[in-house]
Amino acid sequence: EIGLVMITTRHNLHAHMAIKAIGAGKHVFVEKPLALNQEELDELVHCLNQHASANPTVTVGYNRRFSPHIQKIKSLVPSSSNKNLVATMNAGFIPDNVWVQDMEVGGGRIIGEACHYIDLLTFLSGSKVVAVCMNALGTNPSINTDNASIMLKFQNGDHGVINYFSNGSKSYSKERLELFFDGKTLIMDNFRATKGYHIKGFKKLKTRQDKGHKNQFDLLVKRIKVGGPALIPLDEIINTTQASFAAISSLSQGKWIDIKN
C-alpha cells in the first residue's frame, strides 16, 4: 500500500536504499546526494531500467528549483539567451571530524551539498553540464574541501560558476544567485529578495525565506496520487550527480573533466 519511500539517512545509504525501494516497485524521494560514486549511480540506473515496467520515479531533494524566486527568474529569462550564472554559498564552517566531511560516509560537502547548485544552475540554463573544472583554497587542498569554485560548461553554451565557501561571515547572506544576460541582470538574495536590473515590468520580488520545500512536496504528492513523469527529469539528476563527481576529479587532476550525456 506504500506509494513513496522517503530516504533521509546519511549519504552513504542513499543509493543502496533507493535501489531496494525501486526493486520493490516504489516511487522514491531521496535527499541529496543521490549517490557518492559512479558505481552506485550505475547500479541505481540499472535497477531503474530493470523495473521500468513498474514505472518507479526517483526524486532528489533539489528543492531550490521550486522556490518562487527561482520560478520567477526562470520566467524572466528567455530560453534562447546566453547566460552567465553565478551561485554563491556562504556555507559556514563544519569541523573535519563531522560525518559530512568523510568522503566514505558523507561524500564531502561538494558531492553532498554543492550538488544543490549544480541542479539549480542546470534548471536555469535549461541545459546539461558537459564539462567541469574546480579549484580550491590553499596550496594543496584535499578532495573533501569546502572552499572551492566550480566552473560549469553547459551544452547550450551557458557558463556557470558555483562558489562554495565555508570561511565567510555568518552575518552575510547564506545564499546568493546572479544571472547576467542580454544586457540585463537578476540578483537573488537568500531566497528572500530578487531584484531585476533593466528588466521591463520587473523590479523586485520579496517574500519570507522560501527555498521551495513546500512547493516541491506539494507537487510530489500530487504526482504520486495522479501519476505522471518524475518531478525532476532523471537525465538531469544523473547529469548533476556526474558533475559533482567530475568536480572532485577536476581538483585531483588539475584539469577540465568532460561529462558524457
Protein backbone atom coordinates (compact mmCIF):
# COMPACT_ATOMS: atom_id res chain seq x y z
CA GLU A 1 0.00 0.00 0.00
CA ILE A 2 3.03 2.31 0.33
CA GLY A 3 3.39 4.55 -2.70
CA LEU A 4 6.50 6.54 -1.85
CA VAL A 5 9.65 5.77 0.12
CA MET A 6 11.49 8.76 1.58
CA ILE A 7 15.21 8.39 2.25
CA THR A 8 16.80 10.97 4.57
CA THR A 9 19.67 8.97 6.06
CA ARG A 10 23.38 9.71 5.98
CA HIS A 11 24.61 9.96 2.42
CA ASN A 12 26.36 6.60 2.12
CA LEU A 13 22.99 4.80 2.41
CA HIS A 14 21.06 6.83 -0.17
CA ALA A 15 21.79 4.82 -3.32
CA HIS A 16 21.52 1.42 -1.63
CA MET A 17 18.16 2.20 -0.04
CA ALA A 18 16.85 3.77 -3.24
CA ILE A 19 17.78 0.61 -5.17
CA LYS A 20 15.85 -1.56 -2.69
CA ALA A 21 12.80 0.70 -2.89
CA ILE A 22 12.88 0.74 -6.70
CA GLY A 23 13.20 -3.04 -6.67
CA ALA A 24 10.02 -3.17 -4.59
CA GLY A 25 8.23 -1.07 -7.22
CA LYS A 26 8.02 2.07 -5.10
CA HIS A 27 8.48 5.69 -6.02
CA VAL A 28 11.47 7.21 -4.24
CA PHE A 29 12.25 10.59 -2.73
CA VAL A 30 15.88 10.72 -1.69
CA GLU A 31 17.68 13.63 -0.10
CA LYS A 32 20.75 14.80 -1.96
CA PRO A 33 23.13 13.41 -2.97
CA LEU A 34 21.68 10.53 -4.98
CA ALA A 35 24.97 8.60 -4.90
CA LEU A 36 28.54 9.03 -3.68
CA ASN A 37 30.34 7.48 -6.65
CA GLN A 38 29.86 6.35 -10.23
CA GLU A 39 29.47 2.69 -9.26
CA GLU A 40 26.49 3.45 -7.02
CA LEU A 41 24.94 5.66 -9.70
CA ASP A 42 25.36 3.00 -12.40
CA GLU A 43 23.76 0.36 -10.16
CA LEU A 44 20.78 2.62 -9.46
CA VAL A 45 20.23 3.43 -13.15
CA HIS A 46 20.49 -0.29 -13.97
CA CYS A 47 17.84 -1.04 -11.34
CA LEU A 48 15.51 1.60 -12.80
CA ASN A 49 15.91 0.07 -16.25
CA GLN A 50 15.18 -3.41 -14.88
CA HIS A 51 11.95 -2.22 -13.25
CA ALA A 52 10.83 0.16 -15.99
CA SER A 53 7.51 -1.67 -16.38
CA ALA A 54 6.55 -0.67 -12.83
CA ASN A 55 7.44 2.94 -13.74
CA PRO A 56 9.02 3.91 -10.41
CA THR A 57 10.16 7.54 -10.27
CA VAL A 58 13.14 8.98 -8.39
CA THR A 59 13.02 12.50 -6.99
CA VAL A 60 16.06 14.07 -5.35
CA GLY A 61 15.62 16.84 -2.78
CA TYR A 62 16.71 19.63 -5.09
CA ASN A 63 14.07 21.91 -3.62
CA ARG A 64 15.63 25.23 -4.67
CA ARG A 65 14.40 24.97 -8.26
CA PHE A 66 10.86 25.06 -6.82
CA SER A 67 11.35 28.31 -4.88
CA PRO A 68 9.08 31.13 -6.07
CA HIS A 69 12.23 33.22 -6.57
CA ILE A 70 13.76 30.67 -8.92
CA GLN A 71 10.47 30.12 -10.72
CA LYS A 72 10.19 33.90 -11.24
CA ILE A 73 13.76 34.15 -12.53
CA LYS A 74 13.12 31.24 -14.90
CA SER A 75 10.07 33.03 -16.31
CA LEU A 76 12.02 36.26 -16.90
CA VAL A 77 14.95 34.77 -18.81
CA PRO A 78 14.35 33.75 -22.45
CA SER A 79 15.46 30.19 -23.12
CA SER A 80 17.38 31.43 -26.15
CA SER A 81 19.51 33.87 -24.13
CA ASN A 82 23.18 33.18 -23.47
CA LYS A 83 23.59 33.31 -19.70
CA ASN A 84 26.32 33.79 -17.12
CA LEU A 85 25.11 32.18 -13.89
CA VAL A 86 26.87 32.66 -10.55
CA ALA A 87 25.76 30.94 -7.33
CA THR A 88 27.50 31.67 -4.04
CA MET A 89 27.04 29.54 -0.94
CA ASN A 90 28.32 31.04 2.31
CA ALA A 91 28.12 27.55 3.79
CA GLY A 92 29.70 28.07 7.18
CA PHE A 93 32.37 26.04 8.94
CA ILE A 94 31.94 22.33 9.75
CA PRO A 95 34.79 20.53 11.56
CA ASP A 96 36.69 17.84 9.69
CA ASN A 97 35.53 15.13 12.13
CA VAL A 98 31.83 15.60 11.27
CA TRP A 99 30.42 12.75 9.12
CA VAL A 100 29.53 15.05 6.20
CA GLN A 101 33.26 15.68 5.68
CA ASP A 102 34.03 11.94 5.50
CA MET A 103 34.26 11.01 1.80
CA GLU A 104 33.07 7.44 2.51
CA VAL A 105 30.03 8.47 4.60
CA GLY A 106 29.07 11.98 3.57
CA GLY A 107 30.95 12.36 0.31
CA GLY A 108 32.32 15.73 1.39
CA ARG A 109 30.44 18.98 1.00
CA ILE A 110 30.93 19.33 -2.75
CA ILE A 111 29.26 16.00 -3.62
CA GLY A 112 26.99 16.16 -0.56
CA GLU A 113 25.80 19.76 -0.74
CA ALA A 114 27.14 21.75 -3.70
CA CYS A 115 25.11 19.43 -5.96
CA HIS A 116 22.14 21.64 -4.98
CA TYR A 117 23.64 24.45 -7.01
CA ILE A 118 24.62 22.29 -9.95
CA ASP A 119 20.95 21.33 -10.19
CA LEU A 120 19.84 24.93 -9.71
CA LEU A 121 22.06 26.28 -12.48
CA THR A 122 21.08 23.36 -14.73
CA PHE A 123 17.42 24.25 -14.23
CA LEU A 124 18.01 27.92 -15.01
CA SER A 125 20.21 27.14 -18.00
CA GLY A 126 17.74 24.64 -19.41
CA SER A 127 20.75 22.62 -20.50
CA LYS A 128 23.01 19.86 -19.19
CA VAL A 129 26.55 20.23 -17.92
CA VAL A 130 29.15 18.97 -20.41
CA ALA A 131 32.38 19.86 -18.58
CA VAL A 132 33.51 20.80 -15.07
CA CYS A 133 36.58 22.49 -13.61
CA MET A 134 37.11 23.04 -9.87
CA ASN A 135 39.75 24.99 -8.00
CA ALA A 136 40.01 25.11 -4.20
CA LEU A 137 41.52 27.28 -1.49
CA GLY A 138 45.04 26.52 -0.30
CA THR A 139 48.31 25.32 -1.79
CA ASN A 140 47.41 21.62 -1.55
CA PRO A 141 43.65 21.31 -0.99
CA SER A 142 42.14 17.95 -0.08
CA ILE A 143 39.33 16.36 -2.06
CA ASN A 144 36.90 16.98 0.80
CA THR A 145 37.47 20.73 0.51
CA ASP A 146 34.61 23.06 1.33
CA ASN A 147 36.26 26.20 -0.03
CA ALA A 148 36.10 25.89 -3.80
CA SER A 149 34.89 27.44 -7.04
CA ILE A 150 33.32 25.16 -9.63
CA MET A 151 33.05 26.22 -13.27
CA LEU A 152 30.36 24.58 -15.38
CA LYS A 153 30.22 24.48 -19.17
CA PHE A 154 26.68 23.85 -20.41
CA GLN A 155 25.65 22.16 -23.62
CA ASN A 156 23.90 25.31 -24.87
CA GLY A 157 26.98 27.48 -24.26
CA ASP A 158 25.89 28.93 -20.91
CA HIS A 159 28.60 29.50 -18.33
CA GLY A 160 28.12 28.71 -14.64
CA VAL A 161 30.19 29.37 -11.52
CA ILE A 162 29.46 27.93 -8.10
CA ASN A 163 31.35 29.47 -5.19
CA TYR A 164 31.07 27.14 -2.21
CA PHE A 165 32.85 28.74 0.75
CA SER A 166 32.98 27.87 4.44
CA ASN A 167 35.26 30.69 5.62
CA GLY A 168 32.87 33.63 5.36
CA SER A 169 30.98 35.70 7.92
CA LYS A 170 27.81 34.27 9.44
CA SER A 171 26.27 37.73 9.25
CA TYR A 172 26.44 37.69 5.43
CA SER A 173 23.69 36.09 3.35
CA LYS A 174 24.00 32.33 3.16
CA GLU A 175 22.94 32.03 -0.49
CA ARG A 176 23.14 34.39 -3.44
CA LEU A 177 22.43 33.95 -7.13
CA GLU A 178 23.35 36.26 -10.03
CA LEU A 179 22.30 36.00 -13.69
CA PHE A 180 23.69 38.14 -16.49
CA PHE A 181 22.04 38.01 -19.94
CA ASP A 182 21.02 40.27 -22.84
CA GLY A 183 22.21 43.43 -21.08
CA LYS A 184 20.11 42.53 -18.04
CA THR A 185 20.87 41.27 -14.52
CA LEU A 186 18.90 39.39 -11.87
CA ILE A 187 20.11 39.09 -8.27
CA MET A 188 18.52 36.71 -5.76
CA ASP A 189 19.46 37.15 -2.10
CA ASN A 190 18.92 34.32 0.37
CA PHE A 191 15.58 33.27 -1.16
CA ARG A 192 14.01 36.39 0.35
CA ALA A 193 14.50 39.04 -2.31
CA THR A 194 15.07 39.06 -6.06
CA LYS A 195 15.95 42.27 -7.90
CA GLY A 196 15.88 42.92 -11.61
CA TYR A 197 18.07 45.41 -13.45
CA HIS A 198 16.95 46.75 -16.84
CA ILE A 199 14.14 44.16 -16.99
CA LYS A 200 10.91 45.61 -18.30
CA GLY A 201 7.99 45.11 -15.93
CA PHE A 202 10.02 43.64 -13.09
CA LYS A 203 12.00 45.32 -10.32
CA LYS A 204 11.72 43.25 -7.16
CA LEU A 205 10.16 40.18 -5.53
CA LYS A 206 10.16 39.94 -1.73
CA THR A 207 8.92 37.00 0.36
CA ARG A 208 9.64 35.24 3.59
CA GLN A 209 12.57 32.91 3.03
CA ASP A 210 11.28 30.22 0.68
CA LYS A 211 13.71 27.62 -0.64
CA GLY A 212 10.96 25.65 -2.34
CA HIS A 213 10.49 22.78 0.11
CA LYS A 214 6.70 23.09 0.37
CA ASN A 215 6.21 23.56 -3.36
CA GLN A 216 8.34 20.51 -4.10
CA PHE A 217 6.41 18.27 -1.73
CA ASP A 218 3.01 19.59 -2.83
CA LEU A 219 3.91 18.74 -6.43
CA LEU A 220 5.43 15.40 -5.46
CA VAL A 221 2.35 14.27 -3.53
CA LYS A 222 0.15 15.25 -6.46
CA ARG A 223 2.33 13.30 -8.90
CA ILE A 224 2.24 10.20 -6.72
CA LYS A 225 -1.56 10.40 -6.41
CA VAL A 226 -2.48 11.15 -10.01
CA GLY A 227 0.57 9.82 -11.87
CA GLY A 228 2.83 11.45 -14.38
CA PRO A 229 6.54 11.82 -15.10
CA ALA A 230 9.18 12.34 -12.42
CA LEU A 231 9.20 15.80 -10.87
CA ILE A 232 12.80 16.36 -11.99
CA PRO A 233 13.84 14.64 -15.24
CA LEU A 234 16.02 11.63 -14.47
CA ASP A 235 18.62 12.58 -17.07
CA GLU A 236 19.12 15.92 -15.28
CA ILE A 237 19.50 14.19 -11.91
CA ILE A 238 22.08 11.80 -13.37
CA ASN A 239 23.93 14.66 -15.07
CA THR A 240 24.05 16.71 -11.86
CA THR A 241 25.37 13.71 -9.93
CA GLN A 242 28.05 13.07 -12.54
CA ALA A 243 29.02 16.75 -12.49
CA SER A 244 29.59 16.60 -8.73
CA PHE A 245 31.91 13.60 -9.22
CA ALA A 246 33.66 15.46 -12.04
CA ALA A 247 34.36 18.41 -9.73
CA ILE A 248 36.34 16.16 -7.39
CA SER A 249 38.16 14.56 -10.32
CA SER A 250 38.99 18.00 -11.68
CA LEU A 251 40.56 19.10 -8.41
CA SER A 252 42.58 15.87 -8.21
CA GLN A 253 43.77 16.03 -11.83
CA GLY A 254 44.06 19.80 -12.22
CA LYS A 255 42.06 19.98 -15.46
CA TRP A 256 38.62 20.22 -17.03
CA ILE A 257 36.63 16.97 -16.87
CA ASP A 258 34.19 16.16 -19.66
CA ILE A 259 30.83 14.56 -18.92
CA LYS A 260 29.23 12.11 -21.33
CA ASN A 261 25.49 12.71 -21.82
